[in-house]
Each structure stands twice: as structure tokens, then as C-alpha cells.
Amino acid sequence: MFIEPKKNIGSNQAGVGWIEVICGSMFSGKTEELIRRLKRAYIARLRVRIFKPKIDTRYHPSHIVSHNDNSIESIPVGSATEILHEAGDCDVVGIDEAQFFDQAIIKVCTQLANDGKRVIVAGLDMDFKGQPFGYIPQLLCIAEYVTKVHAICMVCGDVASYSFRLSPTDDQVMLGETSTYEARCRKCFYAGREKGKSPEISE
């Protein structure tokens, strides 16, 4: 379990911030872990601002909601730069579904951390083709702390780190739940793709 480092967050001293990235497949508990850390920040009486992309309206238009129905209020934004404008003088910034944001998310997270904020980012590290998703790989590189969480393979019960799409749609971005995606281990993920249950991997 991630334990918060003892740093001087909340002192308004520039340069003491940092970036945490929580990544993994669908149904791995990324959002659950994000909410857990943010609620602990609230308990510590820190000023918290939470953001999510406007396009993600699966469970609630403004709340971040995990697959276990755990939720926390957030601010929906259309672009990463909006986060900078809305963060204000908070101590902790939470960002869910970061893979859906544009390239500016890298500079935004860097600026927030440089301004002395604790930045907690959650997102898919791979898309349904098993390829790096959005700008999560770059965020992993600049983060001080990285947590990769895992799901359970819905085929064999092994540890899963892939998101297998059940729909034949080839669009990279396709919001969905258990009727659209399955968490799978490496073996079951590639076995399913070879059987034609998912679009071919593009080189």
C-alpha cells in the first residue's frame, strides 16, 4: 500500500511538490486507489482539487466513481490547461482518466508539482491493443512515485494487466464497462486477439 512521503505539503513553499502516477488496466482499482489517497488528504485537512475529463460521463457527470461505486466530487474539464486555472491555491491535485487528456497534461502536472502541489494522476497505461495509451508513458517518466495496480483475468483468474475489448470497434477511445471490456492476463489477451475477438494490432 502506498504511504504518503513526509514532505512539507501545505506550507505554500515552492519546490516541495511531486507527482504520483497510478496506472494499470481496466478493473484494476486505479480510481479506487486515487480516491483512497484523496480522502486521506482531506482527513489531513489539506486543500484538495480533483479533476476528470468531461468526456467521461459513464457513472456521474461530475463525480469520480470507481467500479466499486466509491465516489468523490470532481471538476470536469475539457482540456489539461483548464486544470491549471482551476487548481488555485490547493495543496493536492487529483486527476482521473489522464490518458484522455492532450499533451499539455505533461506540462500541467510539472507546473503544479513545481508550484509545491502534490499531484496524483490515475490512468490506463495501455489501450485495448496493448499499446501505450496517451501521455501516460511520459507521466510515468517524470513522476517521483509510480504504482502499477493489477486486475484479475476474467478468463483464467491469473493476474491481469491488459484491457481486452469485446466490441469490434477500432477507435482507441471508447468508454465502456464490463459489457465492453475484460481484464486479461498476457496469455489470454493475445490468445483472444488471435482468434479475431478484437481488431488486429496495428503496427
N, C-alpha and C. Protein backbone atom coordinates (compact mmCIF):
# COMPACT_ATOMS: atom_id res chain seq x y z
N MET A 1 0.83 -1.19 0.00
CA MET A 1 0.00 0.00 0.00
C MET A 1 0.88 1.25 0.00
N PHE A 2 0.50 2.24 -0.79
CA PHE A 2 1.26 3.48 -0.86
C PHE A 2 1.07 4.29 0.41
N ILE A 3 2.18 4.70 1.02
CA ILE A 3 2.15 5.56 2.19
C ILE A 3 2.73 6.91 1.81
N GLU A 4 2.03 7.98 2.15
CA GLU A 4 2.44 9.31 1.76
C GLU A 4 3.82 9.65 2.32
N PRO A 5 4.70 10.17 1.47
CA PRO A 5 6.03 10.58 1.96
C PRO A 5 5.90 11.79 2.88
N LYS A 6 6.81 11.91 3.83
CA LYS A 6 6.75 13.03 4.78
C LYS A 6 7.43 14.24 4.16
N LYS A 7 6.65 15.00 3.39
CA LYS A 7 7.15 16.23 2.79
C LYS A 7 6.25 17.37 3.22
N ASN A 8 6.73 18.57 2.97
CA ASN A 8 6.09 19.75 3.54
C ASN A 8 4.94 20.29 2.71
N ILE A 9 4.05 19.41 2.26
CA ILE A 9 2.88 19.86 1.51
C ILE A 9 1.96 20.67 2.43
N GLY A 10 1.42 21.76 1.86
CA GLY A 10 0.52 22.61 2.64
C GLY A 10 1.21 23.81 3.24
N SER A 11 2.52 23.95 2.98
CA SER A 11 3.28 25.07 3.55
C SER A 11 3.39 26.25 2.60
N ASN A 12 2.90 26.06 1.34
CA ASN A 12 3.00 27.11 0.32
C ASN A 12 4.45 27.43 -0.05
N GLN A 13 5.36 26.50 0.17
CA GLN A 13 6.75 26.69 -0.22
C GLN A 13 6.96 26.05 -1.59
N ALA A 14 7.32 26.87 -2.57
CA ALA A 14 7.51 26.37 -3.92
C ALA A 14 8.64 25.34 -3.96
N GLY A 15 8.47 24.32 -4.79
CA GLY A 15 9.54 23.35 -4.99
C GLY A 15 9.42 22.10 -4.16
N VAL A 16 8.39 21.97 -3.32
CA VAL A 16 8.28 20.78 -2.48
C VAL A 16 7.19 19.84 -2.98
N GLY A 17 6.64 20.10 -4.14
CA GLY A 17 5.61 19.24 -4.69
C GLY A 17 6.19 18.01 -5.36
N TRP A 18 5.29 17.12 -5.80
CA TRP A 18 5.73 15.93 -6.52
C TRP A 18 4.56 15.34 -7.31
N ILE A 19 4.87 14.36 -8.16
CA ILE A 19 3.87 13.70 -8.99
C ILE A 19 3.81 12.21 -8.64
N GLU A 20 2.59 11.70 -8.46
CA GLU A 20 2.35 10.28 -8.28
C GLU A 20 1.49 9.80 -9.44
N VAL A 21 1.82 8.66 -10.02
CA VAL A 21 1.01 8.08 -11.09
C VAL A 21 0.53 6.70 -10.67
N ILE A 22 -0.78 6.50 -10.78
CA ILE A 22 -1.39 5.19 -10.53
C ILE A 22 -1.86 4.67 -11.88
N CYS A 23 -1.30 3.56 -12.35
CA CYS A 23 -1.65 3.07 -13.69
C CYS A 23 -1.99 1.58 -13.64
N GLY A 24 -2.58 1.11 -14.72
CA GLY A 24 -2.96 -0.29 -14.81
C GLY A 24 -4.05 -0.48 -15.84
N SER A 25 -4.62 -1.67 -15.87
CA SER A 25 -5.66 -2.00 -16.85
C SER A 25 -7.03 -1.59 -16.33
N MET A 26 -8.05 -1.85 -17.14
CA MET A 26 -9.42 -1.70 -16.68
C MET A 26 -9.65 -2.64 -15.49
N PHE A 27 -10.47 -2.21 -14.55
CA PHE A 27 -10.89 -3.01 -13.39
C PHE A 27 -9.74 -3.40 -12.46
N SER A 28 -8.67 -2.61 -12.49
CA SER A 28 -7.52 -2.91 -11.63
C SER A 28 -7.54 -2.13 -10.32
N GLY A 29 -8.46 -1.19 -10.19
CA GLY A 29 -8.56 -0.43 -8.94
C GLY A 29 -7.82 0.89 -8.95
N LYS A 30 -7.53 1.43 -10.15
CA LYS A 30 -6.82 2.71 -10.25
C LYS A 30 -7.61 3.83 -9.57
N THR A 31 -8.87 3.96 -9.95
CA THR A 31 -9.70 5.03 -9.40
C THR A 31 -9.94 4.83 -7.91
N GLU A 32 -10.09 3.58 -7.51
CA GLU A 32 -10.27 3.26 -6.09
C GLU A 32 -9.08 3.74 -5.28
N GLU A 33 -7.87 3.50 -5.80
CA GLU A 33 -6.66 3.93 -5.10
C GLU A 33 -6.53 5.45 -5.12
N LEU A 34 -6.91 6.08 -6.24
CA LEU A 34 -6.88 7.54 -6.32
C LEU A 34 -7.80 8.14 -5.26
N ILE A 35 -9.01 7.62 -5.17
CA ILE A 35 -9.98 8.13 -4.18
C ILE A 35 -9.46 7.92 -2.76
N ARG A 36 -8.86 6.77 -2.51
CA ARG A 36 -8.31 6.49 -1.17
C ARG A 36 -7.29 7.54 -0.76
N ARG A 37 -6.37 7.85 -1.68
CA ARG A 37 -5.33 8.83 -1.36
C ARG A 37 -5.92 10.23 -1.18
N LEU A 38 -6.90 10.58 -2.00
CA LEU A 38 -7.51 11.90 -1.89
C LEU A 38 -8.30 12.05 -0.59
N LYS A 39 -8.99 11.01 -0.19
CA LYS A 39 -9.74 11.07 1.06
C LYS A 39 -8.79 11.19 2.26
N ARG A 40 -7.65 10.56 2.19
CA ARG A 40 -6.64 10.70 3.25
C ARG A 40 -6.12 12.13 3.30
N ALA A 41 -6.01 12.77 2.12
CA ALA A 41 -5.58 14.17 2.08
C ALA A 41 -6.62 15.07 2.75
N TYR A 42 -7.90 14.77 2.51
CA TYR A 42 -8.97 15.52 3.18
C TYR A 42 -8.88 15.35 4.70
N ILE A 43 -8.64 14.12 5.14
CA ILE A 43 -8.53 13.85 6.57
C ILE A 43 -7.37 14.64 7.18
N ALA A 44 -6.30 14.82 6.40
CA ALA A 44 -5.14 15.59 6.84
C ALA A 44 -5.39 17.10 6.78
N ARG A 45 -6.62 17.48 6.39
CA ARG A 45 -7.03 18.89 6.30
C ARG A 45 -6.24 19.68 5.26
N LEU A 46 -5.88 18.99 4.20
CA LEU A 46 -5.24 19.66 3.07
C LEU A 46 -6.31 20.14 2.11
N ARG A 47 -5.98 21.16 1.34
CA ARG A 47 -6.91 21.69 0.35
C ARG A 47 -6.76 20.86 -0.92
N VAL A 48 -7.85 20.24 -1.34
CA VAL A 48 -7.81 19.27 -2.44
C VAL A 48 -8.70 19.73 -3.59
N ARG A 49 -8.20 19.61 -4.81
CA ARG A 49 -9.00 19.83 -6.02
C ARG A 49 -8.86 18.60 -6.89
N ILE A 50 -9.97 18.13 -7.44
CA ILE A 50 -10.00 16.89 -8.19
C ILE A 50 -10.58 17.14 -9.58
N PHE A 51 -9.97 16.56 -10.59
CA PHE A 51 -10.39 16.80 -11.97
C PHE A 51 -10.57 15.50 -12.74
N LYS A 52 -11.46 15.55 -13.73
CA LYS A 52 -11.62 14.43 -14.65
C LYS A 52 -12.02 14.99 -16.01
N PRO A 53 -11.76 14.25 -17.11
CA PRO A 53 -12.14 14.73 -18.44
C PRO A 53 -13.66 14.77 -18.62
N LYS A 54 -14.14 15.79 -19.29
CA LYS A 54 -15.58 15.95 -19.49
C LYS A 54 -16.20 14.78 -20.24
N ILE A 55 -15.42 14.14 -21.09
CA ILE A 55 -15.98 13.06 -21.92
C ILE A 55 -16.36 11.83 -21.10
N ASP A 56 -15.82 11.71 -19.88
CA ASP A 56 -16.11 10.53 -19.08
C ASP A 56 -17.35 10.78 -18.22
N THR A 57 -18.51 10.36 -18.74
CA THR A 57 -19.77 10.53 -18.03
C THR A 57 -20.42 9.18 -17.72
N ARG A 58 -19.63 8.12 -17.66
CA ARG A 58 -20.17 6.77 -17.50
C ARG A 58 -21.00 6.61 -16.23
N TYR A 59 -20.50 7.11 -15.13
CA TYR A 59 -21.18 6.88 -13.86
C TYR A 59 -21.85 8.14 -13.32
N HIS A 60 -21.21 9.30 -13.53
CA HIS A 60 -21.73 10.55 -12.98
C HIS A 60 -21.10 11.70 -13.76
N PRO A 61 -21.85 12.77 -14.05
CA PRO A 61 -21.31 13.87 -14.83
C PRO A 61 -20.17 14.64 -14.15
N SER A 62 -20.14 14.66 -12.81
CA SER A 62 -19.10 15.44 -12.13
C SER A 62 -18.29 14.62 -11.12
N HIS A 63 -18.83 13.56 -10.58
CA HIS A 63 -18.09 12.77 -9.60
C HIS A 63 -17.17 11.76 -10.28
N ILE A 64 -16.04 11.48 -9.61
CA ILE A 64 -15.21 10.35 -9.98
C ILE A 64 -15.79 9.14 -9.26
N VAL A 65 -16.07 8.08 -10.00
CA VAL A 65 -16.71 6.90 -9.42
C VAL A 65 -15.91 5.66 -9.81
N SER A 66 -15.56 4.84 -8.82
CA SER A 66 -14.83 3.61 -9.10
C SER A 66 -15.82 2.51 -9.48
N HIS A 67 -15.30 1.40 -9.98
CA HIS A 67 -16.17 0.27 -10.34
C HIS A 67 -16.82 -0.35 -9.10
N ASN A 68 -16.29 -0.02 -7.92
CA ASN A 68 -16.88 -0.50 -6.66
C ASN A 68 -17.87 0.51 -6.09
N ASP A 69 -18.25 1.51 -6.90
CA ASP A 69 -19.22 2.54 -6.52
C ASP A 69 -18.71 3.46 -5.42
N ASN A 70 -17.42 3.52 -5.21
CA ASN A 70 -16.84 4.53 -4.33
C ASN A 70 -16.72 5.81 -5.15
N SER A 71 -17.05 6.95 -4.58
CA SER A 71 -17.06 8.17 -5.38
C SER A 71 -16.54 9.37 -4.60
N ILE A 72 -16.16 10.40 -5.35
CA ILE A 72 -15.69 11.65 -4.77
C ILE A 72 -15.97 12.76 -5.78
N GLU A 73 -16.32 13.93 -5.30
CA GLU A 73 -16.69 15.03 -6.19
C GLU A 73 -15.47 15.55 -6.95
N SER A 74 -15.67 15.91 -8.21
CA SER A 74 -14.58 16.41 -9.03
C SER A 74 -15.06 17.53 -9.94
N ILE A 75 -14.12 18.12 -10.66
CA ILE A 75 -14.43 19.18 -11.61
C ILE A 75 -14.17 18.64 -13.02
N PRO A 76 -15.20 18.50 -13.85
CA PRO A 76 -14.98 18.05 -15.24
C PRO A 76 -14.33 19.17 -16.06
N VAL A 77 -13.29 18.84 -16.81
CA VAL A 77 -12.60 19.83 -17.64
C VAL A 77 -12.45 19.31 -19.07
N GLY A 78 -12.43 20.24 -20.01
CA GLY A 78 -12.33 19.87 -21.42
C GLY A 78 -10.90 19.73 -21.90
N SER A 79 -9.94 20.30 -21.17
CA SER A 79 -8.54 20.21 -21.57
C SER A 79 -7.65 20.26 -20.34
N ALA A 80 -6.41 19.84 -20.52
CA ALA A 80 -5.48 19.81 -19.39
C ALA A 80 -5.18 21.21 -18.86
N THR A 81 -5.10 22.19 -19.74
CA THR A 81 -4.76 23.55 -19.30
C THR A 81 -5.81 24.12 -18.35
N GLU A 82 -7.03 23.66 -18.45
CA GLU A 82 -8.06 24.14 -17.53
C GLU A 82 -7.74 23.77 -16.09
N ILE A 83 -7.01 22.68 -15.91
CA ILE A 83 -6.65 22.24 -14.56
C ILE A 83 -5.80 23.30 -13.87
N LEU A 84 -4.86 23.89 -14.61
CA LEU A 84 -4.01 24.94 -14.04
C LEU A 84 -4.84 26.11 -13.55
N HIS A 85 -5.83 26.52 -14.33
CA HIS A 85 -6.66 27.66 -13.97
C HIS A 85 -7.55 27.36 -12.78
N GLU A 86 -7.98 26.11 -12.65
CA GLU A 86 -8.94 25.74 -11.60
C GLU A 86 -8.25 25.28 -10.30
N ALA A 87 -6.97 24.94 -10.37
CA ALA A 87 -6.29 24.38 -9.20
C ALA A 87 -6.17 25.40 -8.07
N GLY A 88 -5.96 26.65 -8.42
CA GLY A 88 -5.88 27.70 -7.41
C GLY A 88 -4.79 27.47 -6.39
N ASP A 89 -5.11 27.70 -5.12
CA ASP A 89 -4.12 27.59 -4.05
C ASP A 89 -4.23 26.28 -3.28
N CYS A 90 -4.73 25.24 -3.95
CA CYS A 90 -4.88 23.96 -3.27
C CYS A 90 -3.52 23.32 -2.99
N ASP A 91 -3.52 22.33 -2.11
CA ASP A 91 -2.30 21.61 -1.77
C ASP A 91 -2.14 20.32 -2.58
N VAL A 92 -3.27 19.69 -2.89
CA VAL A 92 -3.27 18.40 -3.57
C VAL A 92 -4.18 18.45 -4.79
N VAL A 93 -3.69 17.95 -5.92
CA VAL A 93 -4.47 17.89 -7.15
C VAL A 93 -4.64 16.42 -7.54
N GLY A 94 -5.88 15.99 -7.73
CA GLY A 94 -6.16 14.64 -8.20
C GLY A 94 -6.67 14.68 -9.63
N ILE A 95 -6.17 13.80 -10.48
CA ILE A 95 -6.58 13.77 -11.89
C ILE A 95 -6.89 12.32 -12.26
N ASP A 96 -8.13 12.06 -12.69
CA ASP A 96 -8.52 10.71 -13.07
C ASP A 96 -8.60 10.59 -14.59
N GLU A 97 -8.47 9.37 -15.11
CA GLU A 97 -8.54 9.07 -16.55
C GLU A 97 -7.61 9.99 -17.36
N ALA A 98 -6.38 10.11 -16.90
CA ALA A 98 -5.43 11.04 -17.51
C ALA A 98 -5.07 10.69 -18.94
N GLN A 99 -5.30 9.44 -19.35
CA GLN A 99 -4.97 9.04 -20.72
C GLN A 99 -5.81 9.79 -21.76
N PHE A 100 -6.92 10.37 -21.34
CA PHE A 100 -7.80 11.08 -22.27
C PHE A 100 -7.39 12.54 -22.49
N PHE A 101 -6.43 13.03 -21.71
CA PHE A 101 -6.03 14.43 -21.86
C PHE A 101 -4.98 14.60 -22.96
N ASP A 102 -4.89 15.83 -23.46
CA ASP A 102 -3.93 16.15 -24.53
C ASP A 102 -2.52 16.27 -23.96
N GLN A 103 -1.57 16.55 -24.85
CA GLN A 103 -0.15 16.58 -24.47
C GLN A 103 0.15 17.58 -23.37
N ALA A 104 -0.68 18.60 -23.24
CA ALA A 104 -0.45 19.63 -22.22
C ALA A 104 -0.47 19.06 -20.81
N ILE A 105 -1.02 17.86 -20.64
CA ILE A 105 -1.09 17.28 -19.30
C ILE A 105 0.29 17.12 -18.68
N ILE A 106 1.33 16.93 -19.51
CA ILE A 106 2.69 16.77 -19.00
C ILE A 106 3.17 18.08 -18.38
N LYS A 107 3.01 19.19 -19.12
CA LYS A 107 3.44 20.49 -18.61
C LYS A 107 2.59 20.92 -17.42
N VAL A 108 1.31 20.59 -17.46
CA VAL A 108 0.41 20.96 -16.37
C VAL A 108 0.83 20.27 -15.07
N CYS A 109 1.06 18.98 -15.13
CA CYS A 109 1.47 18.25 -13.93
C CYS A 109 2.83 18.74 -13.42
N THR A 110 3.74 19.01 -14.35
CA THR A 110 5.06 19.51 -13.97
C THR A 110 4.94 20.86 -13.28
N GLN A 111 4.14 21.76 -13.85
CA GLN A 111 3.97 23.09 -13.26
C GLN A 111 3.33 23.02 -11.88
N LEU A 112 2.32 22.18 -11.75
CA LEU A 112 1.65 22.04 -10.45
C LEU A 112 2.62 21.53 -9.39
N ALA A 113 3.42 20.53 -9.74
CA ALA A 113 4.41 20.00 -8.79
C ALA A 113 5.47 21.05 -8.47
N ASN A 114 5.91 21.79 -9.47
CA ASN A 114 6.90 22.84 -9.25
C ASN A 114 6.36 23.96 -8.37
N ASP A 115 5.05 24.13 -8.39
CA ASP A 115 4.39 25.14 -7.55
C ASP A 115 4.18 24.65 -6.12
N GLY A 116 4.65 23.45 -5.82
CA GLY A 116 4.56 22.93 -4.46
C GLY A 116 3.37 22.06 -4.18
N LYS A 117 2.69 21.59 -5.21
CA LYS A 117 1.50 20.76 -5.01
C LYS A 117 1.81 19.27 -5.15
N ARG A 118 1.07 18.47 -4.42
CA ARG A 118 1.11 17.03 -4.60
C ARG A 118 0.12 16.69 -5.71
N VAL A 119 0.61 16.08 -6.78
CA VAL A 119 -0.22 15.77 -7.94
C VAL A 119 -0.39 14.26 -8.03
N ILE A 120 -1.64 13.80 -7.95
CA ILE A 120 -1.93 12.36 -8.01
C ILE A 120 -2.72 12.08 -9.29
N VAL A 121 -2.13 11.30 -10.18
CA VAL A 121 -2.70 11.05 -11.50
C VAL A 121 -3.04 9.57 -11.64
N ALA A 122 -4.23 9.27 -12.16
CA ALA A 122 -4.61 7.88 -12.43
C ALA A 122 -4.99 7.72 -13.89
N GLY A 123 -4.61 6.61 -14.50
CA GLY A 123 -4.96 6.40 -15.90
C GLY A 123 -4.53 5.05 -16.43
N LEU A 124 -5.08 4.68 -17.56
CA LEU A 124 -4.71 3.44 -18.25
C LEU A 124 -3.33 3.60 -18.87
N ASP A 125 -2.45 2.65 -18.64
CA ASP A 125 -1.13 2.72 -19.26
C ASP A 125 -1.11 2.10 -20.65
N MET A 126 -2.10 1.21 -20.97
CA MET A 126 -2.17 0.60 -22.30
C MET A 126 -3.60 0.68 -22.81
N ASP A 127 -3.74 0.78 -24.13
CA ASP A 127 -5.06 0.79 -24.73
C ASP A 127 -5.51 -0.65 -25.03
N PHE A 128 -6.62 -0.82 -25.74
CA PHE A 128 -7.18 -2.16 -25.98
C PHE A 128 -6.32 -2.99 -26.94
N LYS A 129 -5.34 -2.36 -27.59
CA LYS A 129 -4.42 -3.09 -28.46
C LYS A 129 -3.14 -3.51 -27.73
N GLY A 130 -3.06 -3.14 -26.46
CA GLY A 130 -1.85 -3.45 -25.71
C GLY A 130 -0.73 -2.47 -25.98
N GLN A 131 -1.08 -1.28 -26.51
CA GLN A 131 -0.10 -0.25 -26.83
C GLN A 131 -0.15 0.86 -25.79
N PRO A 132 0.97 1.59 -25.58
CA PRO A 132 0.97 2.71 -24.63
C PRO A 132 -0.17 3.69 -24.94
N PHE A 133 -0.84 4.16 -23.91
CA PHE A 133 -2.05 4.96 -24.08
C PHE A 133 -1.78 6.43 -23.74
N GLY A 134 -2.05 7.29 -24.72
CA GLY A 134 -1.95 8.73 -24.50
C GLY A 134 -0.58 9.16 -23.99
N TYR A 135 -0.59 10.06 -23.00
CA TYR A 135 0.67 10.59 -22.46
C TYR A 135 0.99 10.01 -21.09
N ILE A 136 0.36 8.88 -20.77
CA ILE A 136 0.68 8.21 -19.51
C ILE A 136 2.16 7.77 -19.46
N PRO A 137 2.74 7.23 -20.56
CA PRO A 137 4.16 6.84 -20.50
C PRO A 137 5.08 8.00 -20.12
N GLN A 138 4.81 9.20 -20.67
CA GLN A 138 5.63 10.36 -20.34
C GLN A 138 5.45 10.76 -18.88
N LEU A 139 4.22 10.66 -18.38
CA LEU A 139 3.97 10.98 -16.98
C LEU A 139 4.69 10.00 -16.05
N LEU A 140 4.76 8.73 -16.47
CA LEU A 140 5.49 7.74 -15.67
C LEU A 140 6.95 8.13 -15.55
N CYS A 141 7.51 8.71 -16.61
CA CYS A 141 8.93 9.08 -16.61
C CYS A 141 9.23 10.23 -15.66
N ILE A 142 8.30 11.19 -15.55
CA ILE A 142 8.60 12.38 -14.75
C ILE A 142 8.05 12.28 -13.32
N ALA A 143 7.35 11.21 -13.01
CA ALA A 143 6.76 11.06 -11.68
C ALA A 143 7.79 10.59 -10.65
N GLU A 144 7.67 11.11 -9.43
CA GLU A 144 8.51 10.63 -8.35
C GLU A 144 8.05 9.25 -7.85
N TYR A 145 6.74 9.01 -7.92
CA TYR A 145 6.19 7.76 -7.40
C TYR A 145 5.25 7.14 -8.43
N VAL A 146 5.46 5.85 -8.72
CA VAL A 146 4.64 5.13 -9.69
C VAL A 146 4.08 3.87 -9.03
N THR A 147 2.76 3.70 -9.14
CA THR A 147 2.11 2.50 -8.63
C THR A 147 1.37 1.83 -9.77
N LYS A 148 1.74 0.58 -10.11
CA LYS A 148 1.01 -0.16 -11.13
C LYS A 148 0.13 -1.18 -10.42
N VAL A 149 -1.17 -1.04 -10.61
CA VAL A 149 -2.12 -1.96 -9.98
C VAL A 149 -2.59 -2.99 -11.01
N HIS A 150 -3.06 -4.13 -10.54
CA HIS A 150 -3.44 -5.21 -11.44
C HIS A 150 -4.86 -5.69 -11.16
N ALA A 151 -5.48 -6.20 -12.20
CA ALA A 151 -6.81 -6.79 -12.08
C ALA A 151 -6.67 -8.31 -12.05
N ILE A 152 -7.80 -9.00 -12.11
CA ILE A 152 -7.83 -10.46 -12.20
C ILE A 152 -8.34 -10.83 -13.59
N CYS A 153 -7.62 -11.72 -14.27
CA CYS A 153 -8.02 -12.13 -15.61
C CYS A 153 -9.40 -12.78 -15.57
N MET A 154 -10.31 -12.26 -16.41
CA MET A 154 -11.68 -12.75 -16.42
C MET A 154 -11.82 -14.05 -17.19
N VAL A 155 -10.70 -14.56 -17.73
CA VAL A 155 -10.73 -15.84 -18.45
C VAL A 155 -10.15 -16.95 -17.58
N CYS A 156 -8.94 -16.72 -17.02
CA CYS A 156 -8.26 -17.79 -16.29
C CYS A 156 -8.06 -17.50 -14.81
N GLY A 157 -8.29 -16.27 -14.37
CA GLY A 157 -8.12 -15.94 -12.97
C GLY A 157 -6.72 -15.55 -12.56
N ASP A 158 -5.81 -15.44 -13.52
CA ASP A 158 -4.43 -15.03 -13.22
C ASP A 158 -4.37 -13.51 -13.05
N VAL A 159 -3.19 -13.00 -12.72
CA VAL A 159 -3.01 -11.55 -12.59
C VAL A 159 -3.14 -10.91 -13.98
N ALA A 160 -3.94 -9.85 -14.09
CA ALA A 160 -4.22 -9.22 -15.38
C ALA A 160 -3.67 -7.80 -15.45
N SER A 161 -3.09 -7.45 -16.59
CA SER A 161 -2.61 -6.09 -16.80
C SER A 161 -3.04 -5.54 -18.16
N TYR A 162 -3.91 -6.27 -18.88
CA TYR A 162 -4.38 -5.85 -20.20
C TYR A 162 -5.89 -5.62 -20.18
N SER A 163 -6.34 -4.68 -21.04
CA SER A 163 -7.77 -4.40 -21.21
C SER A 163 -8.20 -4.95 -22.56
N PHE A 164 -8.99 -6.02 -22.54
CA PHE A 164 -9.44 -6.68 -23.77
C PHE A 164 -10.81 -6.15 -24.16
N ARG A 165 -10.93 -5.60 -25.37
CA ARG A 165 -12.20 -5.05 -25.83
C ARG A 165 -13.04 -6.13 -26.49
N LEU A 166 -14.28 -6.25 -26.07
CA LEU A 166 -15.19 -7.24 -26.62
C LEU A 166 -15.89 -6.76 -27.88
N SER A 167 -15.92 -5.44 -28.08
CA SER A 167 -16.56 -4.85 -29.25
C SER A 167 -15.58 -4.81 -30.42
N PRO A 168 -16.05 -4.95 -31.68
CA PRO A 168 -15.15 -4.89 -32.84
C PRO A 168 -14.72 -3.48 -33.22
N THR A 169 -15.20 -2.45 -32.52
CA THR A 169 -14.83 -1.07 -32.84
C THR A 169 -13.33 -0.87 -32.72
N ASP A 170 -12.75 -0.13 -33.67
CA ASP A 170 -11.30 0.06 -33.72
C ASP A 170 -10.86 1.41 -33.17
N ASP A 171 -11.80 2.24 -32.72
CA ASP A 171 -11.43 3.54 -32.17
C ASP A 171 -10.64 3.34 -30.88
N GLN A 172 -9.57 4.14 -30.71
CA GLN A 172 -8.76 3.98 -29.50
C GLN A 172 -9.56 4.36 -28.25
N VAL A 173 -10.32 5.46 -28.34
CA VAL A 173 -11.11 5.91 -27.20
C VAL A 173 -12.53 5.39 -27.33
N MET A 174 -12.90 4.54 -26.40
CA MET A 174 -14.26 4.01 -26.36
C MET A 174 -14.60 3.73 -24.90
N LEU A 175 -15.42 4.60 -24.33
CA LEU A 175 -15.79 4.43 -22.93
C LEU A 175 -16.64 3.18 -22.76
N GLY A 176 -16.39 2.43 -21.72
CA GLY A 176 -17.16 1.21 -21.53
C GLY A 176 -16.94 0.61 -20.16
N GLU A 177 -17.74 -0.45 -19.87
CA GLU A 177 -17.67 -1.13 -18.59
C GLU A 177 -17.49 -2.62 -18.83
N THR A 178 -18.08 -3.46 -17.98
CA THR A 178 -17.87 -4.90 -18.09
C THR A 178 -18.50 -5.50 -19.33
N SER A 179 -19.49 -4.82 -19.94
CA SER A 179 -20.09 -5.35 -21.15
C SER A 179 -19.22 -5.06 -22.38
N THR A 180 -18.24 -4.18 -22.24
CA THR A 180 -17.39 -3.77 -23.36
C THR A 180 -15.95 -4.25 -23.21
N TYR A 181 -15.49 -4.38 -21.98
CA TYR A 181 -14.08 -4.73 -21.73
C TYR A 181 -13.97 -5.88 -20.73
N GLU A 182 -12.86 -6.60 -20.84
CA GLU A 182 -12.47 -7.59 -19.85
C GLU A 182 -11.02 -7.36 -19.47
N ALA A 183 -10.71 -7.54 -18.21
CA ALA A 183 -9.32 -7.56 -17.79
C ALA A 183 -8.75 -8.93 -18.11
N ARG A 184 -7.56 -8.96 -18.72
CA ARG A 184 -6.96 -10.25 -19.08
C ARG A 184 -5.47 -10.27 -18.81
N CYS A 185 -4.96 -11.47 -18.56
CA CYS A 185 -3.52 -11.66 -18.43
C CYS A 185 -2.92 -11.62 -19.84
N ARG A 186 -1.60 -11.60 -19.93
CA ARG A 186 -0.93 -11.53 -21.23
C ARG A 186 -1.35 -12.70 -22.14
N LYS A 187 -1.34 -13.91 -21.61
CA LYS A 187 -1.64 -15.09 -22.42
C LYS A 187 -3.07 -15.02 -22.99
N CYS A 188 -4.04 -14.73 -22.14
CA CYS A 188 -5.44 -14.71 -22.59
C CYS A 188 -5.74 -13.51 -23.47
N PHE A 189 -5.04 -12.41 -23.24
CA PHE A 189 -5.22 -11.22 -24.06
C PHE A 189 -4.82 -11.51 -25.51
N TYR A 190 -3.61 -12.03 -25.70
CA TYR A 190 -3.14 -12.27 -27.07
C TYR A 190 -3.82 -13.48 -27.71
N ALA A 191 -4.24 -14.44 -26.91
CA ALA A 191 -4.99 -15.57 -27.46
C ALA A 191 -6.33 -15.08 -28.01
N GLY A 192 -6.97 -14.19 -27.30
CA GLY A 192 -8.24 -13.63 -27.75
C GLY A 192 -8.10 -12.81 -29.02
N ARG A 193 -7.04 -12.06 -29.12
CA ARG A 193 -6.83 -11.24 -30.32
C ARG A 193 -6.54 -12.12 -31.53
N GLU A 194 -5.82 -13.19 -31.32
CA GLU A 194 -5.52 -14.09 -32.44
C GLU A 194 -6.77 -14.80 -32.94
N LYS A 195 -7.75 -14.98 -32.09
CA LYS A 195 -8.99 -15.63 -32.51
C LYS A 195 -9.95 -14.67 -33.19
N GLY A 196 -9.53 -13.41 -33.33
CA GLY A 196 -10.36 -12.44 -34.03
C GLY A 196 -11.45 -11.83 -33.19
N LYS A 197 -11.33 -11.92 -31.85
CA LYS A 197 -12.34 -11.34 -30.99
C LYS A 197 -12.10 -9.86 -30.74
N SER A 198 -11.01 -9.35 -31.28
CA SER A 198 -10.68 -7.93 -31.17
C SER A 198 -9.99 -7.53 -32.46
N PRO A 199 -10.07 -6.23 -32.86
CA PRO A 199 -9.41 -5.80 -34.10
C PRO A 199 -7.92 -6.13 -34.08
N GLU A 200 -7.36 -6.32 -35.26
CA GLU A 200 -5.94 -6.66 -35.38
C GLU A 200 -5.07 -5.54 -34.82
N ILE A 201 -3.93 -5.92 -34.26
CA ILE A 201 -2.98 -4.94 -33.75
C ILE A 201 -2.36 -4.20 -34.93
N SER A 202 -2.37 -2.88 -34.87
CA SER A 202 -1.76 -2.09 -35.93
C SER A 202 -0.31 -1.84 -35.57
N GLU A 203 0.54 -2.02 -36.54
CA GLU A 203 1.98 -1.83 -36.28
C GLU A 203 2.33 -0.36 -36.29
